[in-house]
């Protein structure tokens, strides 16, 4: 078996005596980096330390028992950066806001961008919607 990222890797899983095989083609994953690796790159590029992140990456807690701005502690951020834990979504959103990067990129290393809608497509959709509304109004009058 080859290492993932250098050809094709095959993993066999046994769940309650039901074996199945999953093949992963390395072309589907141009990098095997994890979220911690991408955070390390951002920190190096921006010149931030783990303590800087702990001081500035915040999230908001709105619940019946808690309310306000919260921070992640240094140990948790260190674990995330070292890929020891998978961070919760509130950390991913807060970190992406802090670094001004897309959550998709932070999680996967890829940024999913939808193409902008063209003016002609927008006009066509508007015409179809208007026609539909008029048809429904006509049915009500009958």
C-alpha atoms as a PDB file:
ATOM      1  CA  UNK A   1       0.000   0.000   0.000  1.00  0.00           C
ATOM      2  CA  UNK A   2       1.320   3.394  -0.949  1.00  0.00           C
ATOM      3  CA  UNK A   3       1.112   6.461   1.217  1.00  0.00           C
ATOM      4  CA  UNK A   4      -1.835   8.757   0.456  1.00  0.00           C
ATOM      5  CA  UNK A   5      -0.697  11.625  -1.713  1.00  0.00           C
ATOM      6  CA  UNK A   6       1.786   9.525  -3.670  1.00  0.00           C
ATOM      7  CA  UNK A   7      -0.414   7.388  -5.897  1.00  0.00           C
ATOM      8  CA  UNK A   8      -3.479   5.477  -4.854  1.00  0.00           C
ATOM      9  CA  UNK A   9      -4.139   4.408  -1.290  1.00  0.00           C
ATOM     10  CA  UNK A  10      -6.577   1.700  -0.323  1.00  0.00           C
ATOM     11  CA  UNK A  11      -8.157   1.484   3.070  1.00  0.00           C
ATOM     12  CA  UNK A  12     -10.201  -1.497   4.251  1.00  0.00           C
ATOM     13  CA  UNK A  13     -12.808  -0.975   6.918  1.00  0.00           C
ATOM     14  CA  UNK A  14     -14.513  -3.686   8.944  1.00  0.00           C
ATOM     15  CA  UNK A  15     -17.766  -2.563  10.501  1.00  0.00           C
ATOM     16  CA  UNK A  16     -19.517  -5.359  12.373  1.00  0.00           C
ATOM     17  CA  UNK A  17     -17.996  -8.030  10.122  1.00  0.00           C
ATOM     18  CA  UNK A  18     -19.069  -6.227   6.937  1.00  0.00           C
ATOM     19  CA  UNK A  19     -15.882  -5.430   5.043  1.00  0.00           C
ATOM     20  CA  UNK A  20     -15.738  -2.767   2.389  1.00  0.00           C
ATOM     21  CA  UNK A  21     -12.887  -1.125   0.549  1.00  0.00           C
ATOM     22  CA  UNK A  22     -12.380   2.555  -0.183  1.00  0.00           C
ATOM     23  CA  UNK A  23      -9.859   3.712  -2.758  1.00  0.00           C
ATOM     24  CA  UNK A  24      -8.604   7.255  -2.703  1.00  0.00           C
ATOM     25  CA  UNK A  25      -6.896   8.654  -5.761  1.00  0.00           C
ATOM     26  CA  UNK A  26      -4.157  11.148  -4.903  1.00  0.00           C
ATOM     27  CA  UNK A  27      -5.316  13.404  -7.744  1.00  0.00           C
ATOM     28  CA  UNK A  28      -8.453  14.132  -5.721  1.00  0.00           C
ATOM     29  CA  UNK A  29      -6.299  15.496  -2.900  1.00  0.00           C
ATOM     30  CA  UNK A  30      -3.500  17.729  -4.201  1.00  0.00           C
ATOM     31  CA  UNK A  31      -2.266  18.247  -0.647  1.00  0.00           C
ATOM     32  CA  UNK A  32      -2.726  16.175   2.454  1.00  0.00           C
ATOM     33  CA  UNK A  33      -2.557  19.223   4.690  1.00  0.00           C
ATOM     34  CA  UNK A  34      -4.946  19.568   7.569  1.00  0.00           C
ATOM     35  CA  UNK A  35      -6.514  22.662   9.076  1.00  0.00           C
ATOM     36  CA  UNK A  36      -3.632  23.054  11.527  1.00  0.00           C
ATOM     37  CA  UNK A  37      -1.120  23.148   8.677  1.00  0.00           C
ATOM     38  CA  UNK A  38      -3.073  25.902   6.935  1.00  0.00           C
ATOM     39  CA  UNK A  39      -3.332  27.850  10.199  1.00  0.00           C
ATOM     40  CA  UNK A  40       0.436  27.558  10.670  1.00  0.00           C
ATOM     41  CA  UNK A  41       0.976  28.983   7.175  1.00  0.00           C
ATOM     42  CA  UNK A  42      -1.366  31.886   7.901  1.00  0.00           C
ATOM     43  CA  UNK A  43       0.352  32.567  11.228  1.00  0.00           C
ATOM     44  CA  UNK A  44       3.783  32.584   9.612  1.00  0.00           C
ATOM     45  CA  UNK A  45       2.603  34.825   6.778  1.00  0.00           C
ATOM     46  CA  UNK A  46       0.934  37.311   9.140  1.00  0.00           C
ATOM     47  CA  UNK A  47       3.537  37.038  11.915  1.00  0.00           C
ATOM     48  CA  UNK A  48       1.133  35.843  14.623  1.00  0.00           C
ATOM     49  CA  UNK A  49       1.842  33.578  17.579  1.00  0.00           C
ATOM     50  CA  UNK A  50      -0.522  31.169  19.312  1.00  0.00           C
ATOM     51  CA  UNK A  51      -0.948  33.745  22.083  1.00  0.00           C
ATOM     52  CA  UNK A  52      -1.954  36.324  19.460  1.00  0.00           C
ATOM     53  CA  UNK A  53      -4.628  33.963  18.160  1.00  0.00           C
ATOM     54  CA  UNK A  54      -5.893  33.257  21.665  1.00  0.00           C
ATOM     55  CA  UNK A  55      -6.181  36.981  22.300  1.00  0.00           C
ATOM     56  CA  UNK A  56      -7.909  37.884  19.045  1.00  0.00           C
ATOM     57  CA  UNK A  57      -9.952  34.930  17.765  1.00  0.00           C
ATOM     58  CA  UNK A  58     -13.322  35.357  19.413  1.00  0.00           C
ATOM     59  CA  UNK A  59     -16.820  33.967  19.081  1.00  0.00           C
ATOM     60  CA  UNK A  60     -20.155  35.017  20.482  1.00  0.00           C
ATOM     61  CA  UNK A  61     -22.163  32.894  22.866  1.00  0.00           C
ATOM     62  CA  UNK A  62     -25.897  33.488  22.899  1.00  0.00           C
ATOM     63  CA  UNK A  63     -27.635  31.034  25.127  1.00  0.00           C
ATOM     64  CA  UNK A  64     -29.978  30.912  28.075  1.00  0.00           C
ATOM     65  CA  UNK A  65     -27.122  30.488  30.546  1.00  0.00           C
ATOM     66  CA  UNK A  66     -24.286  32.295  28.763  1.00  0.00           C
ATOM     67  CA  UNK A  67     -24.066  35.485  26.787  1.00  0.00           C
ATOM     68  CA  UNK A  68     -21.123  37.443  25.469  1.00  0.00           C
ATOM     69  CA  UNK A  69     -17.781  37.339  23.710  1.00  0.00           C
ATOM     70  CA  UNK A  70     -15.701  34.218  24.318  1.00  0.00           C
ATOM     71  CA  UNK A  71     -12.094  33.349  23.511  1.00  0.00           C
ATOM     72  CA  UNK A  72     -10.356  30.053  22.848  1.00  0.00           C
ATOM     73  CA  UNK A  73      -7.539  29.172  25.234  1.00  0.00           C
ATOM     74  CA  UNK A  74      -3.914  28.761  24.184  1.00  0.00           C
ATOM     75  CA  UNK A  75      -3.865  24.983  24.777  1.00  0.00           C
ATOM     76  CA  UNK A  76      -6.893  24.429  22.554  1.00  0.00           C
ATOM     77  CA  UNK A  77      -5.431  26.553  19.750  1.00  0.00           C
ATOM     78  CA  UNK A  78      -2.116  24.722  20.101  1.00  0.00           C
ATOM     79  CA  UNK A  79      -3.934  21.389  19.756  1.00  0.00           C
ATOM     80  CA  UNK A  80      -5.729  22.610  16.631  1.00  0.00           C
ATOM     81  CA  UNK A  81      -2.517  23.916  15.069  1.00  0.00           C
ATOM     82  CA  UNK A  82      -0.768  20.619  15.792  1.00  0.00           C
ATOM     83  CA  UNK A  83      -3.719  18.710  14.289  1.00  0.00           C
ATOM     84  CA  UNK A  84      -4.348  16.966  17.610  1.00  0.00           C
ATOM     85  CA  UNK A  85      -8.064  17.896  17.639  1.00  0.00           C
ATOM     86  CA  UNK A  86     -10.687  18.745  15.068  1.00  0.00           C
ATOM     87  CA  UNK A  87     -11.949  22.219  15.879  1.00  0.00           C
ATOM     88  CA  UNK A  88     -15.647  22.957  16.279  1.00  0.00           C
ATOM     89  CA  UNK A  89     -17.398  25.039  13.651  1.00  0.00           C
ATOM     90  CA  UNK A  90     -17.398  28.125  15.869  1.00  0.00           C
ATOM     91  CA  UNK A  91     -13.579  28.058  15.862  1.00  0.00           C
ATOM     92  CA  UNK A  92     -13.402  27.566  12.079  1.00  0.00           C
ATOM     93  CA  UNK A  93     -15.736  30.509  11.483  1.00  0.00           C
ATOM     94  CA  UNK A  94     -13.926  32.722  14.007  1.00  0.00           C
ATOM     95  CA  UNK A  95     -10.480  31.854  12.584  1.00  0.00           C
ATOM     96  CA  UNK A  96     -11.599  32.416   8.998  1.00  0.00           C
ATOM     97  CA  UNK A  97     -13.039  35.797   9.981  1.00  0.00           C
ATOM     98  CA  UNK A  98      -9.850  36.738  11.822  1.00  0.00           C
ATOM     99  CA  UNK A  99      -7.549  35.759   8.940  1.00  0.00           C
ATOM    100  CA  UNK A 100     -10.018  36.962   6.282  1.00  0.00           C
ATOM    101  CA  UNK A 101     -10.031  33.617   4.479  1.00  0.00           C
ATOM    102  CA  UNK A 102     -12.840  31.394   3.286  1.00  0.00           C
ATOM    103  CA  UNK A 103     -14.043  28.639   5.651  1.00  0.00           C
ATOM    104  CA  UNK A 104     -13.904  26.160   2.759  1.00  0.00           C
ATOM    105  CA  UNK A 105     -10.234  26.902   2.236  1.00  0.00           C
ATOM    106  CA  UNK A 106      -9.465  26.653   5.942  1.00  0.00           C
ATOM    107  CA  UNK A 107     -11.195  23.272   6.183  1.00  0.00           C
ATOM    108  CA  UNK A 108     -10.218  21.665   2.889  1.00  0.00           C
ATOM    109  CA  UNK A 109      -7.456  23.686   1.282  1.00  0.00           C
ATOM    110  CA  UNK A 110      -9.765  24.420  -1.623  1.00  0.00           C
ATOM    111  CA  UNK A 111     -11.952  27.421  -2.161  1.00  0.00           C
ATOM    112  CA  UNK A 112     -15.281  26.760  -3.781  1.00  0.00           C
ATOM    113  CA  UNK A 113     -16.364  29.745  -5.808  1.00  0.00           C
ATOM    114  CA  UNK A 114     -19.590  29.816  -7.719  1.00  0.00           C
ATOM    115  CA  UNK A 115     -19.529  31.621 -10.990  1.00  0.00           C
ATOM    116  CA  UNK A 116     -21.437  34.878 -11.021  1.00  0.00           C
ATOM    117  CA  UNK A 117     -24.813  34.766 -12.689  1.00  0.00           C
ATOM    118  CA  UNK A 118     -24.938  36.447 -16.065  1.00  0.00           C
ATOM    119  CA  UNK A 119     -27.298  39.306 -16.816  1.00  0.00           C
ATOM    120  CA  UNK A 120     -29.061  37.307 -19.538  1.00  0.00           C
ATOM    121  CA  UNK A 121     -29.644  34.376 -17.154  1.00  0.00           C
ATOM    122  CA  UNK A 122     -30.988  36.740 -14.520  1.00  0.00           C
ATOM    123  CA  UNK A 123     -33.316  38.388 -17.043  1.00  0.00           C
ATOM    124  CA  UNK A 124     -34.533  34.968 -18.227  1.00  0.00           C
ATOM    125  CA  UNK A 125     -35.254  33.857 -14.648  1.00  0.00           C
ATOM    126  CA  UNK A 126     -37.084  37.110 -13.974  1.00  0.00           C
ATOM    127  CA  UNK A 127     -39.203  36.643 -17.118  1.00  0.00           C
ATOM    128  CA  UNK A 128     -40.057  33.046 -16.158  1.00  0.00           C
ATOM    129  CA  UNK A 129     -41.059  34.128 -12.669  1.00  0.00           C
ATOM    130  CA  UNK A 130     -43.189  36.987 -13.992  1.00  0.00           C
ATOM    131  CA  UNK A 131     -44.903  34.640 -16.481  1.00  0.00           C
ATOM    132  CA  UNK A 132     -45.587  32.137 -13.712  1.00  0.00           C
ATOM    133  CA  UNK A 133     -47.117  34.806 -11.473  1.00  0.00           C
ATOM    134  CA  UNK A 134     -49.363  36.022 -14.294  1.00  0.00           C
ATOM    135  CA  UNK A 135     -50.466  32.437 -15.003  1.00  0.00           C
ATOM    136  CA  UNK A 136     -51.374  31.935 -11.361  1.00  0.00           C
ATOM    137  CA  UNK A 137     -53.274  35.238 -11.263  1.00  0.00           C
ATOM    138  CA  UNK A 138     -55.152  34.262 -14.422  1.00  0.00           C
ATOM    139  CA  UNK A 139     -56.201  30.970 -12.790  1.00  0.00           C
ATOM    140  CA  UNK A 140     -57.549  32.869  -9.798  1.00  0.00           C
ATOM    141  CA  UNK A 141     -59.702  35.056 -12.052  1.00  0.00           C
ATOM    142  CA  UNK A 142     -61.277  32.048 -13.784  1.00  0.00           C
END
